[in-house]
Amino acid sequence: MSIFHLAFNVSDLDSTRAFYSGLLGCTEGRSTDTWVDFDFFGHQLSCHLGDPFASAPTGLVGAHKVPMPHFGAVLPMAEWRALADHLTAEGVDFVLAPQVRFEGEPGEQSTMFFTDPSGNPVEIKGLASLDTAFAT
């Protein structure tokens, strides 16, 4: 098994910690005064102080334009539902509210989009079986 590593800029480490660790439940790893690592659903995020990347709703997926670029995770459906319920209860301002897309098609998935405190777009997908992640 391998894990994915993504390093990107954030504008503030305190709000970043509150979001990834506090809200999303990601375990904090190593850190300095200028960056912090998180275990993001089994993958490594490195959040560095700096100017966050620009994004725009230019990615047409189904009937929705989603923010590009973005990153995220693919979770088993039960975990996705629990996270969607938690984020909804916490009053997260969704870019794209939790929903099902491609219903009845090989790529059927649940999805939700939101941004971190620095404006970085995050997508979390839910699949009935992770074996269908690359279904065509």
Protein backbone atom coordinates (compact mmCIF):
# COMPACT_ATOMS: atom_id res chain seq x y z
CA MET A 1 0.00 0.00 0.00
CA SER A 2 1.16 3.53 -0.68
CA ILE A 3 -0.09 6.84 0.62
CA PHE A 4 -0.53 10.11 -1.20
CA HIS A 5 1.28 13.29 -0.10
CA LEU A 6 -0.02 16.77 -0.89
CA ALA A 7 1.64 20.01 0.23
CA PHE A 8 -0.20 23.30 -0.20
CA ASN A 9 -0.39 26.78 1.27
CA VAL A 10 -2.67 28.02 4.02
CA SER A 11 -2.99 31.51 5.44
CA ASP A 12 -3.09 30.58 9.16
CA LEU A 13 -1.98 27.49 11.08
CA ASP A 14 -4.36 27.89 14.03
CA SER A 15 -7.51 27.89 11.88
CA THR A 16 -6.01 25.11 9.76
CA ARG A 17 -5.50 22.95 12.85
CA ALA A 18 -9.06 23.68 14.04
CA PHE A 19 -10.44 22.67 10.63
CA TYR A 20 -8.44 19.54 9.75
CA SER A 21 -7.93 18.21 13.26
CA GLY A 22 -10.92 19.63 15.10
CA LEU A 23 -13.68 19.51 12.47
CA LEU A 24 -12.51 16.68 10.18
CA GLY A 25 -10.87 14.58 12.91
CA CYS A 26 -7.50 14.29 11.17
CA THR A 27 -4.58 13.42 13.45
CA GLU A 28 -1.87 16.07 13.54
CA GLY A 29 1.64 14.92 12.72
CA ARG A 30 4.93 16.80 12.64
CA SER A 31 4.94 20.60 12.57
CA THR A 32 7.09 23.70 12.82
CA ASP A 33 6.26 27.39 13.07
CA THR A 34 5.57 27.44 9.31
CA TRP A 35 3.85 24.13 8.50
CA VAL A 36 1.82 21.27 9.94
CA ASP A 37 1.18 17.72 8.70
CA PHE A 38 -2.12 15.84 9.02
CA ASP A 39 -3.21 12.25 8.52
CA PHE A 40 -5.99 13.03 6.03
CA PHE A 41 -7.96 9.78 5.84
CA GLY A 42 -4.73 7.78 5.57
CA HIS A 43 -2.85 10.26 3.38
CA GLN A 44 -0.36 12.98 4.26
CA LEU A 45 -1.29 16.66 3.97
CA SER A 46 1.41 19.25 4.58
CA CYS A 47 -0.09 22.68 5.16
CA HIS A 48 2.49 25.46 4.76
CA LEU A 49 2.09 29.14 5.53
CA GLY A 50 1.83 31.06 2.27
CA ASP A 51 -0.60 32.33 -0.34
CA PRO A 52 -3.27 29.67 -1.00
CA PHE A 53 -3.74 28.63 -4.62
CA ALA A 54 -6.47 30.30 -6.65
CA SER A 55 -9.51 28.24 -7.56
CA ALA A 56 -12.60 28.80 -9.68
CA PRO A 57 -15.77 26.81 -10.42
CA THR A 58 -14.62 25.65 -13.86
CA GLY A 59 -14.83 21.85 -13.59
CA LEU A 60 -18.08 20.65 -15.16
CA VAL A 61 -19.08 17.37 -13.47
CA GLY A 62 -22.58 16.20 -14.25
CA ALA A 63 -24.82 19.24 -13.86
CA HIS A 64 -22.48 21.14 -11.53
CA LYS A 65 -19.42 23.33 -11.92
CA VAL A 66 -16.98 22.40 -9.19
CA PRO A 67 -13.96 24.33 -7.94
CA MET A 68 -10.71 23.62 -9.75
CA PRO A 69 -8.21 22.67 -8.59
CA HIS A 70 -9.37 20.72 -5.54
CA PHE A 71 -8.30 17.69 -3.54
CA GLY A 72 -10.03 15.25 -1.26
CA ALA A 73 -10.59 11.67 -0.23
CA VAL A 74 -12.70 8.70 -1.28
CA LEU A 75 -14.36 6.97 1.66
CA PRO A 76 -16.49 3.88 2.17
CA MET A 77 -20.15 4.95 2.14
CA ALA A 78 -20.76 4.48 5.88
CA GLU A 79 -17.81 6.75 6.73
CA TRP A 80 -18.93 9.29 4.12
CA ARG A 81 -22.46 9.41 5.57
CA ALA A 82 -21.15 9.85 9.10
CA LEU A 83 -18.87 12.70 7.98
CA ALA A 84 -21.63 14.34 5.92
CA ASP A 85 -23.97 14.20 8.93
CA HIS A 86 -21.26 15.61 11.21
CA LEU A 87 -20.39 18.49 8.86
CA THR A 88 -24.05 19.31 8.32
CA ALA A 89 -24.66 19.34 12.09
CA GLU A 90 -21.62 21.62 12.52
CA GLY A 91 -23.12 24.10 10.04
CA VAL A 92 -20.44 23.78 7.36
CA ASP A 93 -21.08 26.11 4.42
CA PHE A 94 -20.96 23.61 1.55
CA VAL A 95 -19.88 24.60 -1.95
CA LEU A 96 -21.83 21.53 -3.08
CA ALA A 97 -24.07 19.96 -0.42
CA PRO A 98 -23.89 16.21 0.21
CA GLN A 99 -25.58 14.40 -2.68
CA VAL A 100 -25.48 11.42 -5.01
CA ARG A 101 -24.29 11.84 -8.58
CA PHE A 102 -24.21 9.44 -11.52
CA GLU A 103 -27.00 7.47 -9.84
CA GLY A 104 -27.44 4.02 -11.38
CA GLU A 105 -24.27 4.40 -13.47
CA PRO A 106 -20.96 2.56 -13.00
CA GLY A 107 -19.42 5.64 -11.35
CA GLU A 108 -22.26 6.26 -8.88
CA GLN A 109 -20.92 8.17 -5.91
CA SER A 110 -21.88 10.45 -3.09
CA THR A 111 -20.01 13.73 -2.95
CA MET A 112 -19.70 16.97 -1.06
CA PHE A 113 -17.50 20.03 -1.53
CA PHE A 114 -16.46 22.61 1.05
CA THR A 115 -13.46 24.86 1.64
CA ASP A 116 -10.93 25.02 4.42
CA PRO A 117 -10.44 28.35 6.26
CA SER A 118 -7.87 29.43 3.65
CA GLY A 119 -10.31 28.81 0.78
CA ASN A 120 -8.75 25.55 -0.42
CA PRO A 121 -11.53 23.42 -1.99
CA VAL A 122 -11.99 19.92 -0.58
CA GLU A 123 -14.13 17.14 -2.06
CA ILE A 124 -15.07 14.03 -0.12
CA LYS A 125 -16.55 11.16 -2.12
CA GLY A 126 -18.38 8.12 -0.81
CA LEU A 127 -18.59 4.80 -2.62
CA ALA A 128 -20.59 1.68 -1.87
CA SER A 129 -17.39 -0.24 -2.68
CA LEU A 130 -13.94 1.28 -3.07
CA ASP A 131 -13.41 -1.27 -5.86
CA THR A 132 -15.65 0.93 -8.04
CA ALA A 133 -13.43 4.02 -7.76
CA PHE A 134 -12.22 3.59 -11.34
CA ALA A 135 -15.41 2.11 -12.84
CA THR A 136 -16.19 3.10 -16.39
